[in-house]
């Protein structure tokens, strides 16, 4: 087990809600999310709030990410950092590991029959693998791999998250999750009620847009990490 999965399980043992907090620069649906802020300032807020890990989207075309910023984030925190992008080459896995990343997103819909091969390659390079699924068919792809983590994306990445997906998809697909794999509910989580549902069925929640839109980011994120959801 690698850094991200270990951190998630560690937070659970501490009685905290395991949150992967995303430094999200831009949303195709909501536009600019930085609002003049610096990525490093948001990183420090997330650290102070006690999150289990950091996520950053390096895709430039749709999400205005920057691989240099990803490298800077990795070098500036002890938390494991997940690289999110539309990964289709093994060279990108190598780049992620060399940059100090802790985990990499592998999209089942994109990689299809190559998913298992990419998972193994990433694991060989010391990265946790978050295989992302949005359907039962994609869950079957993920189940056939050696991935350390499976992420249920509540929103449709093919629509660039412009749809109104919510945690009901996590509820639906969670029954197909294999044992021994850390599970993550991704996207569409904006309230503590959403979080309660997500963590009832998975080990962790990946949250970006609602954190980035919050007026008081520190206290908002803290409320998610520390909420008693029983």
C-alpha atoms as a PDB file:
ATOM      1  CA  UNK A   1       0.000   0.000   0.000  1.00  0.00           C
ATOM      2  CA  UNK A   2       1.329   3.413  -0.974  1.00  0.00           C
ATOM      3  CA  UNK A   3       1.104   6.921   0.474  1.00  0.00           C
ATOM      4  CA  UNK A   4      -2.397   8.074  -0.499  1.00  0.00           C
ATOM      5  CA  UNK A   5      -4.220   4.885   0.463  1.00  0.00           C
ATOM      6  CA  UNK A   6      -2.237   4.721   3.707  1.00  0.00           C
ATOM      7  CA  UNK A   7      -3.083   8.330   4.554  1.00  0.00           C
ATOM      8  CA  UNK A   8      -6.793   7.723   3.963  1.00  0.00           C
ATOM      9  CA  UNK A   9      -6.866   4.699   6.250  1.00  0.00           C
ATOM     10  CA  UNK A  10      -4.784   6.584   8.809  1.00  0.00           C
ATOM     11  CA  UNK A  11      -7.317   9.415   8.966  1.00  0.00           C
ATOM     12  CA  UNK A  12     -10.101   6.878   9.485  1.00  0.00           C
ATOM     13  CA  UNK A  13      -8.248   5.367  12.417  1.00  0.00           C
ATOM     14  CA  UNK A  14      -7.840   8.861  13.890  1.00  0.00           C
ATOM     15  CA  UNK A  15     -11.610   9.372  13.718  1.00  0.00           C
ATOM     16  CA  UNK A  16     -11.325  12.031  11.013  1.00  0.00           C
ATOM     17  CA  UNK A  17     -13.228  12.037   7.742  1.00  0.00           C
ATOM     18  CA  UNK A  18     -10.706  11.168   4.997  1.00  0.00           C
ATOM     19  CA  UNK A  19     -10.861  13.995   2.477  1.00  0.00           C
ATOM     20  CA  UNK A  20      -8.758  14.418  -0.663  1.00  0.00           C
ATOM     21  CA  UNK A  21      -8.957  18.166  -1.212  1.00  0.00           C
ATOM     22  CA  UNK A  22      -8.514  19.456  -4.733  1.00  0.00           C
ATOM     23  CA  UNK A  23      -6.685  22.634  -5.673  1.00  0.00           C
ATOM     24  CA  UNK A  24      -8.920  23.313  -8.670  1.00  0.00           C
ATOM     25  CA  UNK A  25      -7.909  26.245 -10.834  1.00  0.00           C
ATOM     26  CA  UNK A  26     -10.799  26.216 -13.300  1.00  0.00           C
ATOM     27  CA  UNK A  27     -14.108  24.445 -13.835  1.00  0.00           C
ATOM     28  CA  UNK A  28     -15.687  24.097 -17.299  1.00  0.00           C
ATOM     29  CA  UNK A  29     -19.004  24.665 -15.530  1.00  0.00           C
ATOM     30  CA  UNK A  30     -18.148  27.435 -13.050  1.00  0.00           C
ATOM     31  CA  UNK A  31     -15.113  29.104 -14.648  1.00  0.00           C
ATOM     32  CA  UNK A  32     -12.231  30.588 -12.646  1.00  0.00           C
ATOM     33  CA  UNK A  33     -12.030  29.088  -9.166  1.00  0.00           C
ATOM     34  CA  UNK A  34      -8.736  30.602  -8.019  1.00  0.00           C
ATOM     35  CA  UNK A  35     -10.261  34.103  -7.945  1.00  0.00           C
ATOM     36  CA  UNK A  36      -6.877  35.780  -7.688  1.00  0.00           C
ATOM     37  CA  UNK A  37      -5.526  33.429  -5.039  1.00  0.00           C
ATOM     38  CA  UNK A  38      -2.284  31.433  -5.169  1.00  0.00           C
ATOM     39  CA  UNK A  39      -2.305  27.640  -5.303  1.00  0.00           C
ATOM     40  CA  UNK A  40       0.244  27.470  -2.485  1.00  0.00           C
ATOM     41  CA  UNK A  41      -2.017  29.486  -0.184  1.00  0.00           C
ATOM     42  CA  UNK A  42      -4.836  27.013  -0.774  1.00  0.00           C
ATOM     43  CA  UNK A  43      -2.434  24.135  -0.117  1.00  0.00           C
ATOM     44  CA  UNK A  44      -1.559  25.589   3.301  1.00  0.00           C
ATOM     45  CA  UNK A  45      -5.253  25.976   4.154  1.00  0.00           C
ATOM     46  CA  UNK A  46      -5.938  22.350   3.228  1.00  0.00           C
ATOM     47  CA  UNK A  47      -2.980  21.191   5.333  1.00  0.00           C
ATOM     48  CA  UNK A  48      -4.207  23.177   8.324  1.00  0.00           C
ATOM     49  CA  UNK A  49      -7.692  21.737   7.901  1.00  0.00           C
ATOM     50  CA  UNK A  50      -6.310  18.214   8.284  1.00  0.00           C
ATOM     51  CA  UNK A  51      -7.112  16.649   4.911  1.00  0.00           C
ATOM     52  CA  UNK A  52      -5.786  13.190   4.007  1.00  0.00           C
ATOM     53  CA  UNK A  53      -4.364  14.194   0.637  1.00  0.00           C
ATOM     54  CA  UNK A  54      -4.199  16.797  -2.099  1.00  0.00           C
ATOM     55  CA  UNK A  55      -5.450  16.567  -5.673  1.00  0.00           C
ATOM     56  CA  UNK A  56      -4.410  18.740  -8.592  1.00  0.00           C
ATOM     57  CA  UNK A  57      -5.591  18.638 -12.221  1.00  0.00           C
ATOM     58  CA  UNK A  58      -2.706  19.109 -14.634  1.00  0.00           C
ATOM     59  CA  UNK A  59      -4.874  19.127 -17.784  1.00  0.00           C
ATOM     60  CA  UNK A  60      -4.345  22.492 -19.444  1.00  0.00           C
ATOM     61  CA  UNK A  61      -6.971  22.396 -22.212  1.00  0.00           C
ATOM     62  CA  UNK A  62     -10.152  22.042 -20.161  1.00  0.00           C
ATOM     63  CA  UNK A  63      -9.086  22.735 -16.568  1.00  0.00           C
ATOM     64  CA  UNK A  64      -6.222  25.229 -17.065  1.00  0.00           C
ATOM     65  CA  UNK A  65      -3.787  23.123 -15.034  1.00  0.00           C
ATOM     66  CA  UNK A  66      -0.018  23.379 -15.111  1.00  0.00           C
ATOM     67  CA  UNK A  67       2.405  20.491 -14.539  1.00  0.00           C
ATOM     68  CA  UNK A  68       4.953  22.924 -13.071  1.00  0.00           C
ATOM     69  CA  UNK A  69       2.433  23.847 -10.373  1.00  0.00           C
ATOM     70  CA  UNK A  70       1.867  20.143  -9.671  1.00  0.00           C
ATOM     71  CA  UNK A  71       5.619  19.678  -9.161  1.00  0.00           C
ATOM     72  CA  UNK A  72       5.716  22.695  -6.842  1.00  0.00           C
ATOM     73  CA  UNK A  73       2.812  21.342  -4.787  1.00  0.00           C
ATOM     74  CA  UNK A  74       4.525  17.946  -4.458  1.00  0.00           C
ATOM     75  CA  UNK A  75       7.750  19.610  -3.310  1.00  0.00           C
ATOM     76  CA  UNK A  76       5.928  21.823  -0.801  1.00  0.00           C
ATOM     77  CA  UNK A  77       3.887  19.329   1.225  1.00  0.00           C
ATOM     78  CA  UNK A  78       4.250  16.108   3.194  1.00  0.00           C
ATOM     79  CA  UNK A  79       0.753  15.082   2.115  1.00  0.00           C
ATOM     80  CA  UNK A  80       0.394  12.642  -0.807  1.00  0.00           C
ATOM     81  CA  UNK A  81      -0.578  14.457  -4.005  1.00  0.00           C
ATOM     82  CA  UNK A  82      -2.861  12.942  -6.642  1.00  0.00           C
ATOM     83  CA  UNK A  83      -2.292  13.941 -10.247  1.00  0.00           C
ATOM     84  CA  UNK A  84      -5.542  14.136 -12.211  1.00  0.00           C
ATOM     85  CA  UNK A  85      -5.337  14.249 -15.992  1.00  0.00           C
ATOM     86  CA  UNK A  86      -6.362  12.285 -19.054  1.00  0.00           C
ATOM     87  CA  UNK A  87      -3.404   9.883 -18.820  1.00  0.00           C
ATOM     88  CA  UNK A  88      -2.853   7.797 -21.967  1.00  0.00           C
ATOM     89  CA  UNK A  89       0.930   7.194 -22.015  1.00  0.00           C
ATOM     90  CA  UNK A  90       3.343   5.507 -19.652  1.00  0.00           C
ATOM     91  CA  UNK A  91       5.681   8.485 -20.002  1.00  0.00           C
ATOM     92  CA  UNK A  92       3.123  10.541 -18.064  1.00  0.00           C
ATOM     93  CA  UNK A  93       3.233   7.980 -15.266  1.00  0.00           C
ATOM     94  CA  UNK A  94       7.013   8.341 -15.162  1.00  0.00           C
ATOM     95  CA  UNK A  95       6.749  12.146 -15.107  1.00  0.00           C
ATOM     96  CA  UNK A  96       4.273  11.960 -12.215  1.00  0.00           C
ATOM     97  CA  UNK A  97       6.586   9.752 -10.149  1.00  0.00           C
ATOM     98  CA  UNK A  98       9.635  11.905 -10.952  1.00  0.00           C
ATOM     99  CA  UNK A  99       7.730  15.007  -9.825  1.00  0.00           C
ATOM    100  CA  UNK A 100       7.131  13.458  -6.407  1.00  0.00           C
ATOM    101  CA  UNK A 101       3.468  12.592  -6.909  1.00  0.00           C
ATOM    102  CA  UNK A 102       1.828  10.191  -4.489  1.00  0.00           C
ATOM    103  CA  UNK A 103      -0.947   8.901  -6.746  1.00  0.00           C
ATOM    104  CA  UNK A 104      -2.202   9.056 -10.311  1.00  0.00           C
ATOM    105  CA  UNK A 105      -5.705   9.031 -11.767  1.00  0.00           C
ATOM    106  CA  UNK A 106      -6.346   6.386 -14.414  1.00  0.00           C
ATOM    107  CA  UNK A 107      -9.712   6.683 -16.154  1.00  0.00           C
ATOM    108  CA  UNK A 108     -11.223   3.305 -16.987  1.00  0.00           C
ATOM    109  CA  UNK A 109     -13.361   4.729 -19.772  1.00  0.00           C
ATOM    110  CA  UNK A 110     -10.266   6.155 -21.438  1.00  0.00           C
ATOM    111  CA  UNK A 111      -7.826   3.270 -21.015  1.00  0.00           C
ATOM    112  CA  UNK A 112     -10.265   0.371 -21.330  1.00  0.00           C
ATOM    113  CA  UNK A 113      -8.308  -2.907 -21.744  1.00  0.00           C
ATOM    114  CA  UNK A 114      -5.007  -1.089 -21.037  1.00  0.00           C
ATOM    115  CA  UNK A 115      -6.096  -0.089 -17.539  1.00  0.00           C
ATOM    116  CA  UNK A 116      -4.499  -3.066 -15.773  1.00  0.00           C
ATOM    117  CA  UNK A 117      -1.205  -2.580 -17.609  1.00  0.00           C
ATOM    118  CA  UNK A 118      -1.110   1.111 -16.658  1.00  0.00           C
ATOM    119  CA  UNK A 119      -1.972   0.289 -13.042  1.00  0.00           C
ATOM    120  CA  UNK A 120       0.906  -2.168 -12.777  1.00  0.00           C
ATOM    121  CA  UNK A 121       3.316   0.308 -14.362  1.00  0.00           C
ATOM    122  CA  UNK A 122       2.298   3.052 -11.930  1.00  0.00           C
ATOM    123  CA  UNK A 123       2.615   0.731  -8.935  1.00  0.00           C
ATOM    124  CA  UNK A 124       6.119  -0.221 -10.105  1.00  0.00           C
ATOM    125  CA  UNK A 125       6.932   3.492  -9.982  1.00  0.00           C
ATOM    126  CA  UNK A 126       5.725   3.837  -6.381  1.00  0.00           C
ATOM    127  CA  UNK A 127       2.400   5.526  -7.135  1.00  0.00           C
ATOM    128  CA  UNK A 128      -1.000   4.728  -5.724  1.00  0.00           C
ATOM    129  CA  UNK A 129      -3.481   4.244  -8.544  1.00  0.00           C
ATOM    130  CA  UNK A 130      -6.971   5.714  -8.461  1.00  0.00           C
ATOM    131  CA  UNK A 131      -8.905   3.949 -11.217  1.00  0.00           C
ATOM    132  CA  UNK A 132     -11.948   6.076 -11.965  1.00  0.00           C
ATOM    133  CA  UNK A 133     -15.311   4.563 -12.883  1.00  0.00           C
ATOM    134  CA  UNK A 134     -18.720   5.963 -13.785  1.00  0.00           C
ATOM    135  CA  UNK A 135     -20.636   2.791 -14.693  1.00  0.00           C
ATOM    136  CA  UNK A 136     -20.954  -0.899 -13.811  1.00  0.00           C
ATOM    137  CA  UNK A 137     -19.038  -1.761 -16.983  1.00  0.00           C
ATOM    138  CA  UNK A 138     -16.141   0.473 -15.931  1.00  0.00           C
ATOM    139  CA  UNK A 139     -16.258  -0.999 -12.411  1.00  0.00           C
ATOM    140  CA  UNK A 140     -15.696  -4.412 -13.973  1.00  0.00           C
ATOM    141  CA  UNK A 141     -12.590  -3.042 -15.695  1.00  0.00           C
ATOM    142  CA  UNK A 142     -11.294  -1.670 -12.369  1.00  0.00           C
ATOM    143  CA  UNK A 143     -12.007  -4.927 -10.523  1.00  0.00           C
ATOM    144  CA  UNK A 144      -9.724  -6.837 -12.881  1.00  0.00           C
ATOM    145  CA  UNK A 145      -6.700  -4.689 -12.016  1.00  0.00           C
ATOM    146  CA  UNK A 146      -4.288  -4.538  -9.070  1.00  0.00           C
ATOM    147  CA  UNK A 147      -5.247  -0.950  -8.282  1.00  0.00           C
ATOM    148  CA  UNK A 148      -4.866   0.282  -4.720  1.00  0.00           C
ATOM    149  CA  UNK A 149      -7.856   2.631  -5.038  1.00  0.00           C
ATOM    150  CA  UNK A 150     -11.094   2.866  -7.034  1.00  0.00           C
ATOM    151  CA  UNK A 151     -12.838   6.206  -7.469  1.00  0.00           C
ATOM    152  CA  UNK A 152     -16.517   6.509  -8.300  1.00  0.00           C
ATOM    153  CA  UNK A 153     -16.908   9.761 -10.222  1.00  0.00           C
ATOM    154  CA  UNK A 154     -20.420  11.004  -9.533  1.00  0.00           C
ATOM    155  CA  UNK A 155     -20.159  13.282 -12.541  1.00  0.00           C
ATOM    156  CA  UNK A 156     -19.600  12.351 -16.174  1.00  0.00           C
ATOM    157  CA  UNK A 157     -16.048  13.254 -17.208  1.00  0.00           C
ATOM    158  CA  UNK A 158     -17.037  12.954 -20.885  1.00  0.00           C
ATOM    159  CA  UNK A 159     -19.304  15.952 -20.260  1.00  0.00           C
ATOM    160  CA  UNK A 160     -16.410  17.706 -18.466  1.00  0.00           C
ATOM    161  CA  UNK A 161     -18.403  17.604 -15.206  1.00  0.00           C
ATOM    162  CA  UNK A 162     -21.087  19.909 -16.594  1.00  0.00           C
ATOM    163  CA  UNK A 163     -23.788  17.400 -15.633  1.00  0.00           C
ATOM    164  CA  UNK A 164     -25.525  17.439 -12.260  1.00  0.00           C
ATOM    165  CA  UNK A 165     -24.280  14.067 -11.028  1.00  0.00           C
ATOM    166  CA  UNK A 166     -24.499  13.434  -7.297  1.00  0.00           C
ATOM    167  CA  UNK A 167     -23.627  10.877  -4.631  1.00  0.00           C
ATOM    168  CA  UNK A 168     -26.528   8.634  -5.637  1.00  0.00           C
ATOM    169  CA  UNK A 169     -24.138   7.093  -8.177  1.00  0.00           C
ATOM    170  CA  UNK A 170     -21.725   6.231  -5.368  1.00  0.00           C
ATOM    171  CA  UNK A 171     -24.573   4.444  -3.582  1.00  0.00           C
ATOM    172  CA  UNK A 172     -25.471   2.541  -6.758  1.00  0.00           C
ATOM    173  CA  UNK A 173     -21.957   1.431  -7.706  1.00  0.00           C
ATOM    174  CA  UNK A 174     -20.508   0.854  -4.235  1.00  0.00           C
ATOM    175  CA  UNK A 175     -22.047  -2.626  -4.026  1.00  0.00           C
ATOM    176  CA  UNK A 176     -19.661  -3.714  -6.788  1.00  0.00           C
ATOM    177  CA  UNK A 177     -16.503  -2.472  -5.041  1.00  0.00           C
ATOM    178  CA  UNK A 178     -13.980  -5.261  -4.372  1.00  0.00           C
ATOM    179  CA  UNK A 179     -12.722  -5.889  -0.857  1.00  0.00           C
ATOM    180  CA  UNK A 180      -9.241  -4.738   0.050  1.00  0.00           C
ATOM    181  CA  UNK A 181      -9.269  -1.720  -2.252  1.00  0.00           C
ATOM    182  CA  UNK A 182      -9.556   1.817  -0.872  1.00  0.00           C
ATOM    183  CA  UNK A 183     -12.646   3.466  -2.351  1.00  0.00           C
ATOM    184  CA  UNK A 184     -13.240   7.151  -3.072  1.00  0.00           C
ATOM    185  CA  UNK A 185     -16.410   9.074  -3.919  1.00  0.00           C
ATOM    186  CA  UNK A 186     -15.470  11.869  -6.326  1.00  0.00           C
ATOM    187  CA  UNK A 187     -17.247  15.074  -7.327  1.00  0.00           C
ATOM    188  CA  UNK A 188     -20.754  16.375  -6.654  1.00  0.00           C
ATOM    189  CA  UNK A 189     -20.110  16.612  -2.882  1.00  0.00           C
ATOM    190  CA  UNK A 190     -21.018  20.042  -1.591  1.00  0.00           C
ATOM    191  CA  UNK A 191     -22.815  19.528   1.743  1.00  0.00           C
ATOM    192  CA  UNK A 192     -22.228  17.542   4.920  1.00  0.00           C
ATOM    193  CA  UNK A 193     -25.238  15.422   3.980  1.00  0.00           C
ATOM    194  CA  UNK A 194     -23.518  14.560   0.681  1.00  0.00           C
ATOM    195  CA  UNK A 195     -20.387  13.678   2.637  1.00  0.00           C
ATOM    196  CA  UNK A 196     -22.349  11.502   5.049  1.00  0.00           C
ATOM    197  CA  UNK A 197     -23.746   9.463   2.170  1.00  0.00           C
ATOM    198  CA  UNK A 198     -20.375   9.265   0.403  1.00  0.00           C
ATOM    199  CA  UNK A 199     -18.541   7.998   3.490  1.00  0.00           C
ATOM    200  CA  UNK A 200     -21.271   5.530   4.325  1.00  0.00           C
ATOM    201  CA  UNK A 201     -20.411   3.680   1.127  1.00  0.00           C
ATOM    202  CA  UNK A 202     -16.738   4.524   0.466  1.00  0.00           C
ATOM    203  CA  UNK A 203     -13.554   5.174   2.440  1.00  0.00           C
ATOM    204  CA  UNK A 204     -12.886   8.748   1.323  1.00  0.00           C
ATOM    205  CA  UNK A 205     -14.287  11.733  -0.554  1.00  0.00           C
ATOM    206  CA  UNK A 206     -12.540  13.818  -3.194  1.00  0.00           C
ATOM    207  CA  UNK A 207     -13.847  17.379  -3.119  1.00  0.00           C
ATOM    208  CA  UNK A 208     -12.767  20.327  -5.246  1.00  0.00           C
ATOM    209  CA  UNK A 209     -15.339  22.777  -6.560  1.00  0.00           C
ATOM    210  CA  UNK A 210     -17.274  23.340  -3.328  1.00  0.00           C
ATOM    211  CA  UNK A 211     -14.049  23.905  -1.379  1.00  0.00           C
ATOM    212  CA  UNK A 212     -12.742  26.345  -3.988  1.00  0.00           C
ATOM    213  CA  UNK A 213     -16.049  28.267  -4.040  1.00  0.00           C
ATOM    214  CA  UNK A 214     -16.275  28.580  -0.241  1.00  0.00           C
ATOM    215  CA  UNK A 215     -15.966  32.065   1.225  1.00  0.00           C
ATOM    216  CA  UNK A 216     -14.208  30.861   4.379  1.00  0.00           C
ATOM    217  CA  UNK A 217     -12.187  27.989   2.955  1.00  0.00           C
ATOM    218  CA  UNK A 218     -10.398  26.922   6.137  1.00  0.00           C
ATOM    219  CA  UNK A 219     -13.474  26.587   8.319  1.00  0.00           C
ATOM    220  CA  UNK A 220     -15.527  25.073   5.509  1.00  0.00           C
ATOM    221  CA  UNK A 221     -12.962  22.345   4.827  1.00  0.00           C
ATOM    222  CA  UNK A 222     -12.412  21.792   8.558  1.00  0.00           C
ATOM    223  CA  UNK A 223     -16.142  21.249   9.005  1.00  0.00           C
ATOM    224  CA  UNK A 224     -15.972  18.412   6.478  1.00  0.00           C
ATOM    225  CA  UNK A 225     -12.869  16.816   8.030  1.00  0.00           C
ATOM    226  CA  UNK A 226     -14.159  17.004  11.597  1.00  0.00           C
ATOM    227  CA  UNK A 227     -17.913  16.459  11.154  1.00  0.00           C
ATOM    228  CA  UNK A 228     -19.458  13.635  13.167  1.00  0.00           C
ATOM    229  CA  UNK A 229     -21.537  11.828  10.589  1.00  0.00           C
ATOM    230  CA  UNK A 230     -22.952   8.926  12.631  1.00  0.00           C
END
